[in-house]
N, C-alpha and C. Protein backbone atom coordinates (compact mmCIF):
# COMPACT_ATOMS: atom_id res chain seq x y z
N UNK A 1 2.51 -33.89 -6.06
CA UNK A 1 3.22 -32.55 -6.35
C UNK A 1 3.05 -31.30 -5.71
N UNK A 2 3.83 -30.64 -5.38
CA UNK A 2 3.94 -29.67 -4.42
C UNK A 2 3.56 -28.80 -4.29
N UNK A 3 2.49 -27.92 -4.83
CA UNK A 3 2.24 -27.33 -4.65
C UNK A 3 2.29 -25.26 -3.59
N UNK A 4 2.96 -24.56 -4.40
CA UNK A 4 2.94 -23.04 -3.55
C UNK A 4 2.52 -22.28 -4.35
N UNK A 5 2.14 -20.96 -3.24
CA UNK A 5 1.67 -19.93 -3.47
C UNK A 5 2.79 -19.10 -3.64
N UNK A 6 3.22 -18.08 -4.31
CA UNK A 6 4.66 -17.86 -4.25
C UNK A 6 4.35 -16.26 -5.42
N UNK A 7 5.91 -15.61 -5.35
CA UNK A 7 5.72 -14.50 -6.84
C UNK A 7 6.13 -14.74 -7.28
N UNK A 8 6.29 -14.14 -9.00
CA UNK A 8 6.90 -14.06 -10.01
C UNK A 8 7.40 -13.22 -10.45
N UNK A 9 7.87 -12.76 -10.47
CA UNK A 9 9.21 -11.34 -10.31
C UNK A 9 8.86 -10.75 -12.24
N UNK A 10 8.70 -9.67 -12.40
CA UNK A 10 8.17 -8.91 -13.69
C UNK A 10 8.43 -7.66 -13.52
N UNK A 11 8.23 -6.38 -14.69
CA UNK A 11 8.79 -5.53 -14.56
C UNK A 11 10.15 -4.62 -14.80
N UNK A 12 10.43 -3.60 -14.69
CA UNK A 12 12.02 -2.66 -15.56
C UNK A 12 12.98 -3.26 -14.41
N UNK A 13 14.06 -2.96 -14.36
CA UNK A 13 15.36 -3.02 -13.56
C UNK A 13 14.51 -1.90 -12.34
N UNK A 14 14.98 -2.49 -11.67
CA UNK A 14 15.10 -1.75 -10.25
C UNK A 14 13.67 -0.80 -10.04
N UNK A 15 12.56 -1.44 -11.02
CA UNK A 15 11.14 -1.14 -10.34
C UNK A 15 10.47 -2.43 -10.21
N UNK A 16 10.71 -3.39 -9.99
CA UNK A 16 9.68 -4.33 -10.09
C UNK A 16 8.66 -4.45 -9.66
N UNK A 17 7.97 -5.93 -10.11
CA UNK A 17 6.81 -5.73 -10.30
C UNK A 17 6.38 -7.68 -9.80
N UNK A 18 5.39 -7.13 -8.94
CA UNK A 18 5.05 -9.31 -8.52
C UNK A 18 4.04 -9.68 -9.01
N UNK A 19 3.96 -10.59 -9.60
CA UNK A 19 2.06 -11.45 -10.08
C UNK A 19 2.71 -12.53 -8.97
N UNK A 20 1.07 -13.00 -8.40
CA UNK A 20 1.12 -14.03 -6.83
C UNK A 20 0.72 -14.89 -7.85
N UNK A 21 1.68 -16.12 -7.34
CA UNK A 21 0.98 -17.03 -8.42
C UNK A 21 0.42 -18.51 -7.72
N UNK A 22 0.44 -19.75 -7.89
CA UNK A 22 0.11 -20.52 -7.76
C UNK A 22 0.84 -21.36 -8.75
N UNK A 23 1.72 -21.79 -8.26
CA UNK A 23 2.62 -22.97 -9.49
C UNK A 23 3.69 -24.24 -8.11
N UNK A 24 3.90 -25.48 -9.31
CA UNK A 24 4.69 -26.35 -9.15
C UNK A 24 5.48 -26.03 -8.14
N UNK A 25 6.63 -26.34 -7.14
CA UNK A 25 7.65 -25.92 -6.95
C UNK A 25 8.87 -26.41 -7.29
N UNK A 26 8.63 -27.12 -8.16
CA UNK A 26 9.62 -27.49 -8.81
C UNK A 26 10.06 -26.20 -10.04
N UNK A 27 8.66 -26.04 -10.54
CA UNK A 27 9.21 -24.79 -11.49
C UNK A 27 10.15 -23.40 -10.99
N UNK A 28 10.53 -23.05 -12.35
CA UNK A 28 11.44 -21.93 -12.09
C UNK A 28 10.39 -20.69 -11.36
N UNK A 29 11.11 -19.71 -10.59
CA UNK A 29 10.31 -18.70 -10.05
C UNK A 29 9.68 -17.91 -11.08
N UNK A 30 10.48 -17.42 -12.34
CA UNK A 30 9.49 -16.65 -13.63
C UNK A 30 8.59 -18.04 -14.75
N UNK A 31 8.81 -18.82 -14.15
CA UNK A 31 8.58 -20.18 -15.84
C UNK A 31 6.98 -20.65 -15.27
N UNK A 32 6.59 -21.88 -15.47
CA UNK A 32 5.26 -22.11 -15.81
C UNK A 32 4.24 -22.34 -14.16
N UNK A 33 3.20 -21.22 -14.17
CA UNK A 33 2.51 -21.57 -13.33
C UNK A 33 0.72 -22.05 -13.99
N UNK A 34 0.53 -22.94 -12.82
CA UNK A 34 -0.75 -22.64 -13.09
C UNK A 34 -1.99 -22.11 -13.20
N UNK A 35 -1.83 -21.18 -12.08
CA UNK A 35 -2.95 -20.04 -12.08
C UNK A 35 -2.80 -18.40 -11.31
N UNK A 36 -2.20 -17.55 -12.25
CA UNK A 36 -2.50 -16.62 -11.37
C UNK A 36 -3.47 -15.64 -10.93
N UNK A 37 -2.83 -15.51 -9.39
CA UNK A 37 -4.17 -14.88 -8.42
C UNK A 37 -4.30 -14.01 -7.97
N UNK A 38 -2.89 -12.63 -8.40
CA UNK A 38 -3.21 -11.39 -8.15
C UNK A 38 -1.84 -11.17 -7.99
N UNK A 39 -1.36 -9.87 -7.88
CA UNK A 39 -0.38 -9.14 -7.95
C UNK A 39 0.28 -8.09 -6.33
N UNK A 40 1.84 -7.83 -6.75
CA UNK A 40 2.39 -7.09 -5.68
C UNK A 40 2.80 -5.91 -6.66
N UNK A 41 3.06 -4.68 -5.10
CA UNK A 41 3.70 -3.64 -6.26
C UNK A 41 4.31 -3.03 -5.15
N UNK A 42 5.85 -3.22 -4.79
CA UNK A 42 6.13 -2.59 -3.59
C UNK A 42 6.66 -1.25 -4.08
N UNK A 43 6.22 -0.91 -5.11
CA UNK A 43 7.45 0.67 -5.09
C UNK A 43 6.60 1.37 -4.86
N UNK A 44 4.64 1.96 -4.49
CA UNK A 44 3.76 2.41 -4.09
C UNK A 44 4.32 2.81 -2.26
N UNK A 45 3.59 3.71 -1.95
CA UNK A 45 2.98 3.17 -0.46
C UNK A 45 2.28 4.03 0.04
N UNK A 46 1.58 3.10 0.86
CA UNK A 46 1.71 1.52 1.30
C UNK A 46 1.91 0.88 -0.10
N UNK A 47 2.34 -0.48 0.09
CA UNK A 47 2.39 -1.29 -0.83
C UNK A 47 1.22 -1.82 -1.94
N UNK A 48 1.02 -1.98 -3.19
CA UNK A 48 -0.33 -2.25 -3.46
C UNK A 48 -0.17 -3.93 -3.69
N UNK A 49 -1.30 -4.59 -2.77
CA UNK A 49 -1.36 -5.51 -3.18
C UNK A 49 -2.63 -6.40 -3.87
N UNK A 50 -3.02 -6.76 -4.38
CA UNK A 50 -4.01 -7.05 -5.07
C UNK A 50 -4.44 -8.51 -5.49
N UNK A 51 -4.78 -8.97 -4.16
CA UNK A 51 -5.43 -10.71 -4.84
C UNK A 51 -6.51 -10.80 -4.48
N UNK A 52 -6.47 -11.65 -5.54
CA UNK A 52 -8.77 -12.67 -5.22
C UNK A 52 -8.85 -13.09 -4.54
N UNK A 53 -9.01 -12.90 -3.21
CA UNK A 53 -9.31 -13.31 -2.25
C UNK A 53 -9.82 -14.79 -2.62
N UNK A 54 -11.16 -15.10 -3.31
CA UNK A 54 -11.85 -16.35 -2.93
C UNK A 54 -10.57 -17.53 -3.64
N UNK A 55 -10.25 -17.32 -4.43
CA UNK A 55 -9.16 -18.30 -5.09
C UNK A 55 -7.20 -18.37 -4.55
N UNK A 56 -7.82 -17.43 -3.98
CA UNK A 56 -6.33 -17.92 -2.85
C UNK A 56 -6.91 -18.52 -1.78
N UNK A 57 -8.27 -18.60 -1.11
CA UNK A 57 -8.39 -19.18 -0.01
C UNK A 57 -8.50 -20.79 -0.79
N UNK A 58 -9.19 -20.58 -1.65
CA UNK A 58 -9.70 -22.34 -2.05
C UNK A 58 -8.12 -22.93 -2.12
N UNK A 59 -6.76 -22.17 -2.80
CA UNK A 59 -5.70 -22.94 -3.14
C UNK A 59 -5.96 -23.28 -1.74
N UNK A 60 -5.55 -22.53 -0.49
CA UNK A 60 -5.09 -22.80 0.60
C UNK A 60 -5.50 -23.61 1.07
N UNK A 61 -6.78 -24.11 1.71
CA UNK A 61 -8.15 -24.51 1.77
C UNK A 61 -7.81 -26.21 0.60
N UNK A 62 -7.24 -26.13 -0.10
CA UNK A 62 -6.91 -27.15 -0.90
C UNK A 62 -5.29 -28.00 -0.64
N UNK A 63 -4.44 -27.26 0.07
CA UNK A 63 -3.02 -27.57 0.42
C UNK A 63 -1.90 -26.91 -0.23
N UNK A 64 -2.21 -26.25 -1.13
CA UNK A 64 -1.37 -25.00 -1.19
C UNK A 64 0.15 -24.23 0.01
N UNK A 65 0.94 -24.73 -0.23
CA UNK A 65 2.04 -23.86 0.77
C UNK A 65 2.55 -22.46 0.72
N UNK A 66 1.47 -21.31 0.87
CA UNK A 66 2.75 -19.77 0.88
C UNK A 66 3.88 -19.78 1.42
N UNK A 67 4.53 -19.71 0.64
CA UNK A 67 6.01 -18.69 0.99
C UNK A 67 6.05 -17.21 1.97
N UNK A 68 6.87 -17.05 2.66
CA UNK A 68 7.02 -16.29 3.94
C UNK A 68 6.33 -15.12 3.27
N UNK A 69 6.98 -14.32 2.44
CA UNK A 69 6.84 -12.86 1.42
C UNK A 69 5.21 -13.03 1.59
N UNK A 70 4.47 -14.05 0.39
CA UNK A 70 2.95 -14.61 0.38
C UNK A 70 2.12 -14.55 1.60
N UNK A 71 2.82 -15.22 2.31
CA UNK A 71 1.83 -15.83 4.21
C UNK A 71 1.48 -14.66 4.56
N UNK A 72 2.46 -13.73 4.78
CA UNK A 72 2.37 -12.20 5.29
C UNK A 72 1.20 -11.12 4.46
N UNK A 73 2.10 -11.68 2.93
CA UNK A 73 0.61 -10.92 2.99
C UNK A 73 -0.64 -11.44 2.37
N UNK A 74 -0.53 -12.59 2.60
CA UNK A 74 -2.58 -12.90 2.68
C UNK A 74 -2.71 -12.76 4.04
N UNK A 75 -2.41 -12.76 4.76
CA UNK A 75 -2.31 -12.16 6.26
C UNK A 75 -2.74 -11.08 6.55
N UNK A 76 -1.62 -9.94 5.50
CA UNK A 76 -2.32 -8.77 5.65
C UNK A 76 -4.09 -7.90 5.33
N UNK A 77 -4.57 -9.25 3.82
CA UNK A 77 -5.38 -9.31 3.72
C UNK A 77 -6.57 -9.88 4.01
N UNK A 78 -6.01 -11.00 4.80
CA UNK A 78 -7.16 -11.52 5.92
C UNK A 78 -7.29 -12.58 5.51
N UNK A 79 -6.79 -13.02 4.51
CA UNK A 79 -6.93 -14.54 4.05
C UNK A 79 -6.57 -15.26 4.77
N UNK A 80 -5.72 -15.53 5.61
CA UNK A 80 -4.99 -16.77 6.45
C UNK A 80 -6.15 -16.50 7.64
N UNK A 81 -6.65 -15.55 7.97
CA UNK A 81 -7.31 -15.43 9.46
C UNK A 81 -8.48 -16.23 8.38
N UNK A 82 -9.36 -15.98 7.09
CA UNK A 82 -10.62 -16.58 6.74
C UNK A 82 -10.50 -17.81 6.20
N UNK A 83 -9.31 -18.53 6.42
CA UNK A 83 -9.41 -19.95 6.31
C UNK A 83 -9.24 -20.20 7.90
N UNK A 84 -8.84 -20.03 8.48
CA UNK A 84 -8.34 -20.15 10.00
C UNK A 84 -9.91 -20.44 10.90
N UNK A 85 -10.97 -19.25 10.41
CA UNK A 85 -12.43 -19.95 9.78
C UNK A 85 -12.86 -20.43 10.08
N UNK A 86 -12.24 -20.58 8.42
CA UNK A 86 -12.75 -21.90 7.52
C UNK A 86 -12.56 -23.44 8.31
N UNK A 87 -12.00 -23.23 8.36
CA UNK A 87 -11.04 -24.37 9.37
C UNK A 87 -12.45 -24.45 10.47
N UNK A 88 -12.84 -23.66 11.26
CA UNK A 88 -13.32 -24.13 12.38
C UNK A 88 -14.49 -24.43 11.94
N UNK A 89 -14.90 -23.82 10.85
CA UNK A 89 -16.76 -24.19 11.00
C UNK A 89 -16.64 -25.09 9.71
N UNK A 90 -15.12 -26.11 9.01
CA UNK A 90 -14.98 -26.87 8.38
C UNK A 90 -15.25 -28.40 10.12
N UNK A 91 -14.75 -28.22 11.00
CA UNK A 91 -14.71 -28.89 12.16
C UNK A 91 -16.17 -28.77 12.76
N UNK A 92 -16.69 -28.19 12.61
CA UNK A 92 -17.58 -27.97 13.55
C UNK A 92 -17.99 -27.22 14.80
N UNK A 93 -16.60 -26.14 14.82
CA UNK A 93 -16.29 -25.04 16.18
C UNK A 93 -17.13 -24.24 16.40
N UNK A 94 -17.21 -23.23 14.90
CA UNK A 94 -18.08 -22.26 14.83
C UNK A 94 -19.20 -22.40 13.84
N UNK A 95 -20.09 -21.86 13.76
CA UNK A 95 -21.14 -21.52 12.65
C UNK A 95 -20.23 -20.19 11.19
N UNK A 96 -21.18 -20.78 10.25
CA UNK A 96 -21.15 -20.00 9.52
C UNK A 96 -20.81 -18.34 9.64
N UNK A 97 -22.10 -18.00 10.26
CA UNK A 97 -22.74 -16.80 10.33
C UNK A 97 -21.82 -16.07 11.23
N UNK A 98 -20.68 -16.77 12.71
CA UNK A 98 -19.87 -16.32 13.26
C UNK A 98 -18.80 -16.15 12.68
N UNK A 99 -18.28 -16.66 11.36
CA UNK A 99 -17.04 -16.77 11.09
C UNK A 99 -16.82 -15.88 10.35
N UNK A 100 -18.15 -15.57 9.29
CA UNK A 100 -18.53 -14.42 8.74
C UNK A 100 -18.05 -13.04 9.39
N UNK A 101 -18.86 -12.42 10.73
CA UNK A 101 -19.01 -11.97 12.11
C UNK A 101 -18.02 -11.47 11.98
N UNK A 102 -16.90 -12.33 12.65
CA UNK A 102 -15.67 -11.86 13.05
C UNK A 102 -14.42 -11.66 11.76
N UNK A 103 -14.88 -11.95 10.81
CA UNK A 103 -14.15 -11.38 9.58
C UNK A 103 -14.59 -10.83 9.07
N UNK A 104 -15.82 -9.58 8.77
CA UNK A 104 -16.14 -8.62 8.71
C UNK A 104 -15.63 -7.13 10.12
N UNK A 105 -15.52 -8.25 11.30
CA UNK A 105 -15.88 -6.78 12.10
C UNK A 105 -13.70 -7.01 12.37
N UNK A 106 -12.86 -7.79 12.02
CA UNK A 106 -11.68 -7.89 11.65
C UNK A 106 -11.45 -7.15 10.55
N UNK A 107 -12.22 -7.10 9.67
CA UNK A 107 -12.00 -6.28 8.35
C UNK A 107 -11.74 -4.91 7.87
N UNK A 108 -12.64 -4.26 9.01
CA UNK A 108 -13.50 -3.21 9.08
C UNK A 108 -12.19 -2.75 10.09
N UNK A 109 -11.86 -3.30 11.13
CA UNK A 109 -10.88 -2.46 12.45
C UNK A 109 -9.88 -2.65 11.22
N UNK A 110 -9.34 -3.32 10.30
CA UNK A 110 -7.95 -3.23 9.02
C UNK A 110 -8.09 -2.22 8.62
N UNK A 111 -9.42 -1.65 8.01
CA UNK A 111 -9.39 -0.81 6.73
C UNK A 111 -9.28 0.59 7.14
N UNK A 112 -9.73 0.46 8.84
CA UNK A 112 -9.49 1.52 9.49
C UNK A 112 -7.73 2.05 9.36
N UNK A 113 -6.83 1.05 9.94
CA UNK A 113 -5.99 1.37 10.23
C UNK A 113 -4.84 1.74 9.03
N UNK A 114 -5.52 0.87 7.71
CA UNK A 114 -4.80 1.48 6.32
C UNK A 114 -5.29 3.01 6.28
N UNK A 115 -6.52 3.20 6.43
CA UNK A 115 -6.64 4.80 6.19
C UNK A 115 -6.39 5.55 6.63
N UNK A 116 -5.94 4.93 8.40
CA UNK A 116 -5.11 5.55 9.55
C UNK A 116 -4.06 5.97 8.70
N UNK A 117 -3.05 5.38 8.43
CA UNK A 117 -1.61 5.09 7.76
C UNK A 117 -1.22 6.07 6.51
N UNK A 118 -2.44 5.75 5.67
CA UNK A 118 -2.78 7.16 4.50
C UNK A 118 -2.40 8.09 4.43
N UNK A 119 -3.32 8.21 5.63
CA UNK A 119 -3.64 9.99 5.86
C UNK A 119 -2.37 10.60 6.52
N UNK A 120 -2.17 9.79 7.54
CA UNK A 120 -0.54 10.11 7.99
C UNK A 120 0.68 10.26 7.15
N UNK A 121 0.58 9.05 5.89
CA UNK A 121 1.75 9.66 5.25
C UNK A 121 1.60 10.90 4.89
N UNK A 122 0.31 10.87 3.75
CA UNK A 122 -0.53 12.35 3.23
C UNK A 122 -0.05 13.60 4.06
N UNK A 123 -0.26 13.37 4.88
CA UNK A 123 -0.40 14.67 6.80
C UNK A 123 1.40 14.59 6.30
N UNK A 124 2.26 13.40 6.79
CA UNK A 124 3.62 13.63 6.59
C UNK A 124 4.09 14.09 5.08
N UNK A 125 3.61 13.97 4.14
CA UNK A 125 4.02 14.67 2.84
C UNK A 125 3.11 16.21 3.00
N UNK A 126 3.05 16.24 3.18
CA UNK A 126 2.35 17.96 2.97
C UNK A 126 2.73 19.11 3.96
N UNK A 127 3.08 17.91 5.41
CA UNK A 127 3.76 19.19 6.26
C UNK A 127 5.48 19.47 5.58
N UNK A 128 5.48 18.08 5.31
CA UNK A 128 7.27 18.59 3.77
C UNK A 128 7.04 19.60 3.05
N UNK A 129 6.18 19.59 2.44
CA UNK A 129 5.97 20.29 1.40
C UNK A 129 6.15 21.90 1.80
N UNK A 130 5.05 22.32 3.19
CA UNK A 130 4.53 23.33 4.46
C UNK A 130 6.03 23.86 4.62
N UNK A 131 6.69 22.65 5.43
CA UNK A 131 8.21 23.08 5.88
C UNK A 131 8.85 23.78 4.32
N UNK A 132 9.37 23.13 3.04
CA UNK A 132 10.02 23.53 2.52
C UNK A 132 9.51 24.43 1.80
N UNK A 133 8.59 25.51 1.44
CA UNK A 133 8.60 26.25 1.10
C UNK A 133 7.98 27.13 1.63
N UNK A 134 7.93 27.31 3.10
CA UNK A 134 8.49 28.06 4.31
C UNK A 134 10.04 28.48 4.21
N UNK A 135 10.61 27.67 3.96
CA UNK A 135 12.16 27.60 4.30
C UNK A 135 12.33 28.74 3.09
N UNK A 136 11.68 27.69 1.81
CA UNK A 136 12.09 28.84 0.53
C UNK A 136 12.07 30.78 1.04
N UNK A 137 10.77 30.64 1.45
CA UNK A 137 9.85 31.71 1.26
C UNK A 137 11.38 32.70 2.42
N UNK A 138 11.48 32.32 3.57
CA UNK A 138 12.42 32.39 4.23
C UNK A 138 13.63 33.20 3.84
N UNK A 139 14.07 32.35 2.93
CA UNK A 139 15.75 32.69 2.47
C UNK A 139 15.28 33.34 0.91
N UNK A 140 14.69 33.95 0.03
CA UNK A 140 14.15 34.41 -0.69
C UNK A 140 14.36 36.09 -0.15
N UNK A 141 13.28 35.97 1.10
CA UNK A 141 13.49 37.76 2.39
C UNK A 141 14.61 37.79 2.45
N UNK A 142 15.28 36.91 2.77
CA UNK A 142 16.85 37.00 3.70
C UNK A 142 17.30 37.67 2.12
N UNK A 143 17.16 37.28 0.98
CA UNK A 143 18.39 37.85 -0.86
C UNK A 143 17.23 38.96 -0.75
N UNK A 144 16.45 39.48 -0.44
CA UNK A 144 15.22 40.82 -1.17
C UNK A 144 16.33 41.47 0.06
N UNK A 145 16.08 41.53 1.29
CA UNK A 145 17.02 42.30 2.11
C UNK A 145 18.04 42.71 1.88
N UNK A 146 19.03 41.39 1.95
CA UNK A 146 20.45 41.35 1.80
C UNK A 146 20.49 42.48 0.20
N UNK A 147 19.94 42.23 -0.96
CA UNK A 147 19.93 43.57 -2.07
C UNK A 147 19.35 44.76 -1.80
N UNK A 148 18.07 44.73 -0.90
CA UNK A 148 17.90 46.09 -0.52
C UNK A 148 19.16 46.70 0.46
N UNK A 149 20.22 45.89 1.82
CA UNK A 149 21.48 46.49 2.15
C UNK A 149 21.80 47.18 1.30
N UNK A 150 22.11 46.23 0.02
CA UNK A 150 23.55 46.70 -0.87
C UNK A 150 23.35 47.67 -1.69
N UNK A 151 21.52 47.60 -2.04
CA UNK A 151 21.36 49.03 -2.68
C UNK A 151 21.23 50.51 -1.88
N UNK A 152 21.28 49.93 -0.22
CA UNK A 152 21.22 51.44 0.57
C UNK A 152 22.70 51.32 0.92
N UNK A 153 23.67 50.76 0.75
CA UNK A 153 24.78 50.63 1.18
C UNK A 153 25.19 51.65 -0.27
N UNK A 154 25.22 51.11 -1.66
CA UNK A 154 25.28 52.20 -2.88
C UNK A 154 24.51 53.53 -3.02
N UNK A 155 23.78 53.94 -2.24
CA UNK A 155 22.54 54.95 -2.61
C UNK A 155 24.06 55.83 -1.66
N UNK A 156 24.10 55.64 -0.67
CA UNK A 156 24.82 56.08 0.94
C UNK A 156 26.34 56.96 0.18
N UNK A 157 26.82 55.70 -0.30
CA UNK A 157 28.02 55.98 -1.31
C UNK A 157 28.14 57.12 -2.25
N UNK A 158 26.80 57.07 -3.01
CA UNK A 158 27.19 57.90 -4.03
C UNK A 158 26.38 59.63 -3.50
N UNK A 159 25.38 59.19 -2.29
CA UNK A 159 25.16 60.49 -2.08
C UNK A 159 26.69 61.50 -0.80
N UNK A 160 27.64 60.20 -0.37
CA UNK A 160 28.71 61.06 -0.16
C UNK A 160 30.05 60.87 -0.77
N UNK A 161 29.81 60.29 -1.41
CA UNK A 161 30.47 61.60 -3.42
C UNK A 161 30.35 62.28 -3.78
N UNK A 162 28.79 62.27 -3.57
CA UNK A 162 28.32 63.62 -4.16
C UNK A 162 28.23 64.85 -3.18
N UNK A 163 28.41 64.55 -2.10
CA UNK A 163 28.94 65.89 -1.11
C UNK A 163 29.99 66.60 -0.80
N UNK A 164 31.10 64.61 -1.18
CA UNK A 164 32.63 65.37 -1.19
C UNK A 164 32.72 66.38 -3.15
N UNK A 165 32.05 66.11 -3.82
CA UNK A 165 31.90 66.65 -5.02
C UNK A 165 31.52 67.92 -4.89
N UNK A 166 30.48 67.75 -4.32
CA UNK A 166 29.70 69.12 -4.52
C UNK A 166 30.76 70.88 -3.58
N UNK A 167 30.80 70.74 -2.65
CA UNK A 167 31.74 71.38 -2.08
C UNK A 167 32.67 71.83 -2.44
N UNK A 168 33.40 70.99 -3.49
CA UNK A 168 34.60 71.94 -4.68
C UNK A 168 33.91 72.56 -5.17
N UNK A 169 32.97 71.91 -5.81
CA UNK A 169 32.27 72.73 -7.04
C UNK A 169 31.66 74.10 -6.46
N UNK A 170 31.19 74.20 -5.24
CA UNK A 170 30.70 75.29 -4.38
C UNK A 170 31.38 76.19 -4.27
N UNK A 171 33.29 75.74 -3.94
CA UNK A 171 34.07 76.32 -3.37
C UNK A 171 34.49 77.22 -4.61
N UNK A 172 34.62 76.39 -6.24
CA UNK A 172 34.83 76.86 -7.54
C UNK A 172 34.20 77.79 -7.75
N UNK A 173 33.06 77.79 -7.95
CA UNK A 173 31.82 78.54 -8.10
C UNK A 173 32.08 79.92 -6.99
N UNK A 174 32.16 80.09 -5.63
CA UNK A 174 32.63 80.88 -5.28
C UNK A 174 34.14 81.49 -5.51
N UNK A 175 35.04 80.81 -5.70
CA UNK A 175 36.03 82.13 -6.33
C UNK A 175 36.17 82.21 -7.60
N UNK A 176 34.88 81.78 -8.33
CA UNK A 176 34.74 82.20 -9.94
C UNK A 176 33.70 83.67 -9.09
N UNK A 177 32.94 83.55 -8.08
CA UNK A 177 32.40 84.83 -8.10
C UNK A 177 33.21 85.87 -7.47
N UNK A 178 33.84 85.74 -6.81
CA UNK A 178 34.84 86.77 -6.05
C UNK A 178 35.81 86.81 -7.06
N UNK A 179 35.84 86.22 -7.91
CA UNK A 179 37.02 86.63 -9.19
C UNK A 179 36.76 87.61 -9.37
N UNK A 180 34.92 87.16 -10.35
CA UNK A 180 34.36 88.41 -11.73
C UNK A 180 34.00 89.72 -11.10
N UNK A 181 34.29 90.13 -9.47
CA UNK A 181 33.87 91.43 -9.44
C UNK A 181 34.84 91.87 -9.06
N UNK A 182 36.38 91.46 -9.66
CA UNK A 182 37.96 92.01 -8.96
C UNK A 182 37.85 92.30 -10.23
N UNK A 183 37.71 91.86 -11.81
CA UNK A 183 37.55 92.28 -13.17
C UNK A 183 37.01 92.93 -13.24
N UNK A 184 35.78 93.46 -12.39
CA UNK A 184 35.06 93.89 -12.99
C UNK A 184 34.89 95.40 -12.60
N UNK A 185 35.65 95.26 -11.21
CA UNK A 185 36.65 97.19 -10.89
C UNK A 185 37.21 97.96 -11.89
N UNK A 186 38.46 96.74 -12.01
CA UNK A 186 39.04 97.84 -12.81
C UNK A 186 38.51 98.25 -14.30
N UNK A 187 37.21 97.14 -14.84
CA UNK A 187 36.65 97.88 -16.03
C UNK A 187 35.94 99.44 -15.64
N UNK A 188 35.22 99.23 -14.15
CA UNK A 188 34.17 100.21 -13.82
C UNK A 188 35.44 101.39 -13.78
N UNK A 189 36.47 101.63 -12.91
CA UNK A 189 37.94 102.74 -13.34
C UNK A 189 38.46 103.08 -14.47
N UNK A 190 38.23 101.99 -15.23
CA UNK A 190 38.68 102.65 -16.81
C UNK A 190 37.30 103.37 -16.96
N UNK A 191 36.15 102.78 -16.76
CA UNK A 191 35.16 103.73 -17.28
C UNK A 191 34.72 105.10 -16.84
N UNK A 192 35.07 104.90 -15.23
CA UNK A 192 34.66 105.91 -14.82
C UNK A 192 35.94 106.92 -15.60
N UNK A 193 36.86 106.69 -15.38
CA UNK A 193 38.48 107.45 -16.31
C UNK A 193 37.86 108.12 -17.88
N UNK A 194 37.81 107.10 -18.19
CA UNK A 194 36.80 107.58 -19.54
C UNK A 194 35.79 108.43 -19.29
N UNK A 195 35.58 108.63 -18.32
CA UNK A 195 33.87 109.67 -17.89
C UNK A 195 34.79 110.56 -17.65
N UNK A 196 35.78 110.60 -17.27
CA UNK A 196 36.21 111.55 -16.44
C UNK A 196 37.32 112.40 -17.54
N UNK A 197 37.53 111.37 -18.18
CA UNK A 197 38.18 112.29 -19.40
C UNK A 197 37.30 112.77 -20.50
């Protein structure tokens, strides 16, 4: 029986999540499996890979063949390196302590890379958010400036219209004032005549 370590799909449409399973090569993709050893979620950034390292190593040492995708995931998690070092220990090329020290050094370096990538992603998101906020602030300021300019134009037009209307009112007031003394003069003359008589 040929044993494979492969992915079994689950999750809803367009939001797939995969189980990492050990299964007979003849079994259907989402069908019967021997053991579930982890999960893989490609929808997050970076992708979430949760694998039981000890069980995966045990199956690899027993001869299970990973698919290309699972092999890449196992390499990313360091399980393929651990298998390589363990084979060296079994053959007597290195001691278990040396193998563990090499694996720990690799693991620290890998964790630093992952942390750097996560930090870079978070920084890029924060920069994009700040850039969008600055653009929105500038756009709002431009709108406010345009509204203020429009209000100033309307005030200027109203002032010009009032100035145009005010001289006409002043001239009519002056004309009425001039007309009023003329009317009062005949009355005065009439009064004067009455006084004379």
